């Protein structure tokens, strides 16, 4: 799921790679969801079903020195469009680290920065297919701003 988006470990993108259009491709967005490997200790939720808070600067990690696509754990701060905005993945488990959703404390959606640098509020009631299409760089979906 995380191989067709804008960011990943040891992979560089050029604007020319964003063939769906930079104004209709998500770069990053808000999140309030805890992570299985969140900060703190077990007393604060780390390595528990509740999870712990995550710092904005945490990245992923590689399980092997080559860091191939199948050996990446991106869940420490990466988010996914696998689940709807403001949804809850619970109980948290290590194998769900790459499934944590975007979300915010705003009612009704979350803010996202798109690949062209503009910021948009995306409703949590967005058509789910359109939401997932916004997360790919080269899926052949050109999405008008009014669709999100």
Protein backbone atom coordinates (compact mmCIF):
# COMPACT_ATOMS: atom_id res chain seq x y z
CA UNK A 1 0.00 0.00 0.00
CA UNK A 2 2.83 2.42 0.73
CA UNK A 3 4.73 1.78 -2.49
CA UNK A 4 2.61 4.07 -4.68
CA UNK A 5 2.59 7.27 -2.62
CA UNK A 6 4.85 10.28 -2.49
CA UNK A 7 7.14 9.20 0.37
CA UNK A 8 8.95 6.03 1.41
CA UNK A 9 12.31 5.00 2.80
CA UNK A 10 15.26 5.27 0.39
CA UNK A 11 13.10 6.32 -2.54
CA UNK A 12 13.32 9.71 -4.17
CA UNK A 13 10.60 11.35 -6.20
CA UNK A 14 10.76 14.11 -8.76
CA UNK A 15 7.77 16.30 -9.51
CA UNK A 16 7.71 14.64 -12.94
CA UNK A 17 7.03 11.33 -11.15
CA UNK A 18 3.71 12.67 -9.83
CA UNK A 19 1.77 11.90 -12.99
CA UNK A 20 -1.64 12.22 -11.37
CA UNK A 21 -0.88 15.91 -10.85
CA UNK A 22 0.74 17.59 -7.87
CA UNK A 23 -2.48 19.42 -7.00
CA UNK A 24 -4.35 16.12 -6.63
CA UNK A 25 -1.75 14.05 -4.79
CA UNK A 26 -1.50 13.98 -0.99
CA UNK A 27 1.92 14.68 0.50
CA UNK A 28 1.12 14.55 4.21
CA UNK A 29 -1.70 15.25 6.61
CA UNK A 30 -2.78 15.59 10.19
CA UNK A 31 -2.98 12.70 12.60
CA UNK A 32 -4.08 12.25 16.17
CA UNK A 33 -3.98 8.46 16.21
CA UNK A 34 -1.64 6.72 18.62
CA UNK A 35 0.90 4.16 17.40
CA UNK A 36 1.79 0.73 18.68
CA UNK A 37 5.40 1.91 18.88
CA UNK A 38 4.52 5.40 20.05
CA UNK A 39 6.65 7.44 22.40
CA UNK A 40 7.04 6.93 26.09
CA UNK A 41 7.02 3.68 27.99
CA UNK A 42 4.53 0.86 28.36
CA UNK A 43 2.96 2.92 31.14
CA UNK A 44 2.05 5.48 28.48
CA UNK A 45 0.85 2.91 25.95
CA UNK A 46 4.01 1.97 24.03
CA UNK A 47 3.78 -1.64 22.77
CA UNK A 48 0.20 -1.97 24.02
CA UNK A 49 -3.20 -2.24 22.34
CA UNK A 50 -3.82 1.43 23.22
CA UNK A 51 -0.53 2.63 21.75
CA UNK A 52 1.42 5.73 22.63
CA UNK A 53 1.66 9.26 21.25
CA UNK A 54 3.90 9.82 18.25
CA UNK A 55 6.23 12.72 17.68
CA UNK A 56 5.92 14.48 14.32
CA UNK A 57 9.54 13.82 13.41
CA UNK A 58 9.65 10.03 13.84
CA UNK A 59 10.18 8.10 10.65
CA UNK A 60 10.14 4.47 9.76
CA UNK A 61 12.76 1.81 9.99
CA UNK A 62 14.27 -0.99 7.96
CA UNK A 63 14.42 -4.58 9.09
CA UNK A 64 17.39 -5.33 6.80
CA UNK A 65 20.35 -3.28 5.56
CA UNK A 66 19.04 -3.32 1.97
CA UNK A 67 15.73 -1.76 3.09
CA UNK A 68 13.68 -3.33 0.32
CA UNK A 69 9.98 -2.53 0.09
CA UNK A 70 9.06 -5.71 1.98
CA UNK A 71 11.40 -4.93 4.89
CA UNK A 72 10.14 -1.45 5.76
CA UNK A 73 8.11 -0.54 8.81
CA UNK A 74 6.70 2.88 8.12
CA UNK A 75 4.09 3.09 10.82
CA UNK A 76 6.02 5.18 13.30
CA UNK A 77 4.86 8.41 11.71
CA UNK A 78 3.52 7.46 8.30
CA UNK A 79 -0.21 7.37 7.84
CA UNK A 80 -2.37 5.50 5.37
CA UNK A 81 -5.54 5.97 3.36
CA UNK A 82 -6.39 2.32 4.00
CA UNK A 83 -8.88 3.48 6.63
CA UNK A 84 -11.21 6.49 6.55
CA UNK A 85 -10.18 9.88 7.97
CA UNK A 86 -10.69 10.02 11.76
CA UNK A 87 -11.26 6.27 12.00
CA UNK A 88 -9.76 4.21 14.80
CA UNK A 89 -7.53 1.17 14.44
CA UNK A 90 -7.98 -0.76 17.67
CA UNK A 91 -6.58 -2.79 19.22
CA UNK A 92 -3.20 -1.68 17.94
CA UNK A 93 -0.85 -4.44 16.88
CA UNK A 94 2.59 -4.39 15.34
CA UNK A 95 1.26 -5.74 12.04
CA UNK A 96 -1.14 -2.76 11.79
CA UNK A 97 1.59 -0.11 12.00
CA UNK A 98 1.25 0.77 8.32
CA UNK A 99 -2.56 1.06 8.56
CA UNK A 100 -2.90 3.97 10.98
CA UNK A 101 -5.29 6.59 9.55
CA UNK A 102 -5.06 10.32 9.11
CA UNK A 103 -7.27 12.35 11.40
CA UNK A 104 -7.54 15.48 13.49
CA UNK A 105 -9.22 17.11 16.44
CA UNK A 106 -11.22 19.26 13.99
CA UNK A 107 -14.77 18.06 13.50
CA UNK A 108 -15.50 16.56 10.12
CA UNK A 109 -12.08 15.93 8.56
CA UNK A 110 -8.40 16.78 8.52
CA UNK A 111 -5.96 19.15 6.82
CA UNK A 112 -3.60 17.81 4.17
CA UNK A 113 -0.71 19.31 2.27
CA UNK A 114 -0.72 18.25 -1.34
CA UNK A 115 2.35 17.72 -3.50
CA UNK A 116 2.11 21.22 -5.01
CA UNK A 117 2.32 22.75 -1.51
CA UNK A 118 -1.27 23.88 -1.07
CA UNK A 119 -3.21 22.91 2.03
CA UNK A 120 -6.77 21.59 1.88
CA UNK A 121 -9.29 20.45 4.46
CA UNK A 122 -10.54 17.03 3.40
CA UNK A 123 -13.90 15.93 4.74
CA UNK A 124 -14.14 12.61 6.53
CA UNK A 125 -17.18 11.91 4.34
CA UNK A 126 -15.14 12.11 1.12
CA UNK A 127 -15.88 9.36 -1.35
CA UNK A 128 -13.52 6.63 -0.17
CA UNK A 129 -12.28 5.78 -3.68
CA UNK A 130 -11.43 9.44 -4.32
CA UNK A 131 -9.64 9.61 -0.96
CA UNK A 132 -7.49 6.61 -1.84
CA UNK A 133 -6.88 7.93 -5.35
CA UNK A 134 -5.47 11.13 -3.84
CA UNK A 135 -2.75 9.07 -2.15
CA UNK A 136 -1.20 7.68 -5.33
CA UNK A 137 1.24 9.49 -7.59
CA UNK A 138 0.76 7.52 -10.80
CA UNK A 139 -2.55 5.70 -10.65
CA UNK A 140 -4.08 7.50 -13.61
CA UNK A 141 -6.59 9.42 -11.48
CA UNK A 142 -6.86 13.15 -12.10
CA UNK A 143 -9.07 14.59 -9.37
CA UNK A 144 -10.61 18.04 -9.46
CA UNK A 145 -10.26 20.17 -6.32
CA UNK A 146 -14.04 20.23 -5.90
CA UNK A 147 -14.04 16.45 -5.42
CA UNK A 148 -12.32 16.74 -2.08
